[in-house]
Amino acid sequence: MSSNGKVAIVTGATTGIGLAVAKRLGKDGFTVAINGINHEEGAKRVEELKAEGINAEYYGFDVTK
């Protein structure tokens, strides 16, 4: 999927609702910057998103700190 020039930052995106939101935005043409605290899961999710044609990057940090 080609990028529409927009970037979405999705926190808590390594599982559940956050991941679903990242996928939806990615399918709508956004580049998604996903966030979580589990770096291994973050890397897996980026690969999963990329396999679906979504431009994605992972940034691991705790947004509560």
N, C-alpha and C. Protein backbone atom coordinates (compact mmCIF):
# COMPACT_ATOMS: atom_id res chain seq x y z
N MET A 1 0.85 -1.17 0.00
CA MET A 1 0.00 0.00 0.00
C MET A 1 0.90 1.23 0.00
N SER A 2 0.58 2.20 -0.80
CA SER A 2 1.38 3.41 -0.85
C SER A 2 1.01 4.35 0.28
N SER A 3 1.97 5.12 0.71
CA SER A 3 1.75 6.05 1.80
C SER A 3 1.03 7.30 1.30
N ASN A 4 0.12 7.81 2.12
CA ASN A 4 -0.58 9.04 1.78
C ASN A 4 0.18 10.26 2.29
N GLY A 5 1.40 10.03 2.77
CA GLY A 5 2.22 11.12 3.31
C GLY A 5 1.95 11.41 4.77
N LYS A 6 1.07 10.65 5.39
CA LYS A 6 0.73 10.88 6.79
C LYS A 6 1.29 9.77 7.65
N VAL A 7 1.61 10.13 8.90
CA VAL A 7 2.14 9.17 9.87
C VAL A 7 1.21 9.14 11.06
N ALA A 8 0.89 7.94 11.53
CA ALA A 8 0.08 7.76 12.74
C ALA A 8 0.94 7.11 13.79
N ILE A 9 0.90 7.62 15.00
CA ILE A 9 1.60 7.03 16.14
C ILE A 9 0.55 6.30 16.96
N VAL A 10 0.76 4.99 17.16
CA VAL A 10 -0.20 4.17 17.89
C VAL A 10 0.51 3.57 19.09
N THR A 11 0.09 3.95 20.29
CA THR A 11 0.71 3.41 21.50
C THR A 11 0.02 2.09 21.87
N GLY A 12 0.76 1.25 22.56
CA GLY A 12 0.21 -0.05 22.96
C GLY A 12 -0.17 -0.90 21.77
N ALA A 13 0.63 -0.83 20.71
CA ALA A 13 0.24 -1.44 19.44
C ALA A 13 0.86 -2.82 19.19
N THR A 14 1.39 -3.46 20.22
CA THR A 14 1.94 -4.80 19.99
C THR A 14 0.88 -5.88 20.17
N THR A 15 -0.28 -5.52 20.69
CA THR A 15 -1.37 -6.49 20.87
C THR A 15 -2.72 -5.78 20.78
N GLY A 16 -3.76 -6.57 20.74
CA GLY A 16 -5.13 -6.12 20.91
C GLY A 16 -5.59 -4.96 20.06
N ILE A 17 -6.29 -4.04 20.73
CA ILE A 17 -6.90 -2.90 20.04
C ILE A 17 -5.85 -2.03 19.36
N GLY A 18 -4.73 -1.79 20.02
CA GLY A 18 -3.68 -0.97 19.42
C GLY A 18 -3.18 -1.54 18.11
N LEU A 19 -2.98 -2.85 18.06
CA LEU A 19 -2.53 -3.49 16.84
C LEU A 19 -3.60 -3.40 15.76
N ALA A 20 -4.85 -3.60 16.14
CA ALA A 20 -5.95 -3.50 15.17
C ALA A 20 -6.05 -2.08 14.59
N VAL A 21 -5.86 -1.08 15.44
CA VAL A 21 -5.88 0.31 14.98
C VAL A 21 -4.73 0.56 14.02
N ALA A 22 -3.54 0.07 14.36
CA ALA A 22 -2.38 0.24 13.49
C ALA A 22 -2.63 -0.40 12.12
N LYS A 23 -3.22 -1.59 12.12
CA LYS A 23 -3.51 -2.26 10.85
C LYS A 23 -4.50 -1.46 10.02
N ARG A 24 -5.56 -0.96 10.65
CA ARG A 24 -6.58 -0.19 9.93
C ARG A 24 -5.97 1.07 9.33
N LEU A 25 -5.20 1.78 10.13
CA LEU A 25 -4.56 3.00 9.63
C LEU A 25 -3.58 2.68 8.50
N GLY A 26 -2.83 1.61 8.67
CA GLY A 26 -1.89 1.20 7.63
C GLY A 26 -2.60 0.86 6.33
N LYS A 27 -3.72 0.18 6.43
CA LYS A 27 -4.49 -0.17 5.23
C LYS A 27 -5.12 1.07 4.58
N ASP A 28 -5.28 2.13 5.38
CA ASP A 28 -5.79 3.40 4.85
C ASP A 28 -4.67 4.27 4.29
N GLY A 29 -3.44 3.73 4.27
CA GLY A 29 -2.33 4.43 3.64
C GLY A 29 -1.40 5.18 4.56
N PHE A 30 -1.64 5.14 5.86
CA PHE A 30 -0.75 5.81 6.80
C PHE A 30 0.51 4.97 7.01
N THR A 31 1.62 5.63 7.24
CA THR A 31 2.78 4.98 7.80
C THR A 31 2.50 4.92 9.29
N VAL A 32 2.68 3.76 9.91
CA VAL A 32 2.37 3.65 11.33
C VAL A 32 3.64 3.49 12.15
N ALA A 33 3.73 4.29 13.19
CA ALA A 33 4.80 4.18 14.17
C ALA A 33 4.15 3.54 15.38
N ILE A 34 4.48 2.27 15.62
CA ILE A 34 3.85 1.57 16.73
C ILE A 34 4.75 1.63 17.95
N ASN A 35 4.11 1.55 19.11
CA ASN A 35 4.82 1.67 20.37
C ASN A 35 4.40 0.55 21.31
N GLY A 36 5.33 0.15 22.16
CA GLY A 36 5.06 -0.83 23.20
C GLY A 36 6.27 -0.93 24.10
N ILE A 37 6.19 -1.83 25.08
CA ILE A 37 7.33 -1.98 25.99
C ILE A 37 8.06 -3.31 25.79
N ASN A 38 7.50 -4.19 24.95
CA ASN A 38 8.14 -5.47 24.67
C ASN A 38 8.79 -5.39 23.29
N HIS A 39 10.10 -5.21 23.28
CA HIS A 39 10.82 -4.98 22.03
C HIS A 39 10.73 -6.17 21.07
N GLU A 40 10.75 -7.37 21.62
CA GLU A 40 10.65 -8.56 20.77
C GLU A 40 9.30 -8.61 20.06
N GLU A 41 8.23 -8.36 20.80
CA GLU A 41 6.89 -8.34 20.20
C GLU A 41 6.76 -7.20 19.21
N GLY A 42 7.36 -6.06 19.52
CA GLY A 42 7.32 -4.92 18.60
C GLY A 42 7.94 -5.26 17.27
N ALA A 43 9.09 -5.94 17.30
CA ALA A 43 9.75 -6.33 16.05
C ALA A 43 8.89 -7.31 15.26
N LYS A 44 8.25 -8.24 15.95
CA LYS A 44 7.37 -9.20 15.28
C LYS A 44 6.18 -8.49 14.63
N ARG A 45 5.60 -7.52 15.33
CA ARG A 45 4.43 -6.81 14.79
C ARG A 45 4.80 -5.98 13.58
N VAL A 46 5.99 -5.38 13.59
CA VAL A 46 6.43 -4.62 12.42
C VAL A 46 6.53 -5.55 11.22
N GLU A 47 7.11 -6.73 11.42
CA GLU A 47 7.22 -7.69 10.31
C GLU A 47 5.84 -8.12 9.82
N GLU A 48 4.93 -8.33 10.75
CA GLU A 48 3.56 -8.71 10.41
C GLU A 48 2.88 -7.61 9.59
N LEU A 49 3.03 -6.38 10.02
CA LEU A 49 2.43 -5.25 9.30
C LEU A 49 3.05 -5.10 7.92
N LYS A 50 4.37 -5.20 7.85
CA LYS A 50 5.05 -5.08 6.56
C LYS A 50 4.62 -6.18 5.59
N ALA A 51 4.39 -7.38 6.12
CA ALA A 51 3.93 -8.50 5.28
C ALA A 51 2.56 -8.20 4.68
N GLU A 52 1.80 -7.33 5.33
CA GLU A 52 0.49 -6.92 4.82
C GLU A 52 0.58 -5.67 3.96
N GLY A 53 1.81 -5.24 3.64
CA GLY A 53 2.00 -4.08 2.77
C GLY A 53 1.91 -2.74 3.48
N ILE A 54 2.08 -2.75 4.79
CA ILE A 54 1.96 -1.53 5.59
C ILE A 54 3.35 -1.02 5.95
N ASN A 55 3.58 0.27 5.77
CA ASN A 55 4.83 0.90 6.20
C ASN A 55 4.76 1.06 7.71
N ALA A 56 5.69 0.44 8.43
CA ALA A 56 5.63 0.45 9.89
C ALA A 56 7.02 0.51 10.51
N GLU A 57 7.08 1.15 11.68
CA GLU A 57 8.29 1.20 12.49
C GLU A 57 7.89 1.02 13.95
N TYR A 58 8.80 0.48 14.74
CA TYR A 58 8.54 0.27 16.17
C TYR A 58 9.44 1.17 17.00
N TYR A 59 8.84 1.78 18.02
CA TYR A 59 9.59 2.59 18.99
C TYR A 59 9.22 2.10 20.38
N GLY A 60 10.16 1.49 21.05
CA GLY A 60 9.88 0.90 22.35
C GLY A 60 10.19 1.85 23.50
N PHE A 61 9.16 2.20 24.22
CA PHE A 61 9.29 2.98 25.45
C PHE A 61 7.96 2.95 26.18
N ASP A 62 8.02 3.25 27.46
CA ASP A 62 6.84 3.26 28.32
C ASP A 62 6.25 4.66 28.31
N VAL A 63 5.07 4.84 27.73
CA VAL A 63 4.47 6.16 27.61
C VAL A 63 4.00 6.72 28.95
N THR A 64 3.97 5.89 29.99
CA THR A 64 3.54 6.36 31.30
C THR A 64 4.66 7.02 32.09
N LYS A 65 5.88 6.97 31.54
CA LYS A 65 7.03 7.55 32.25
C LYS A 65 7.55 8.76 31.52
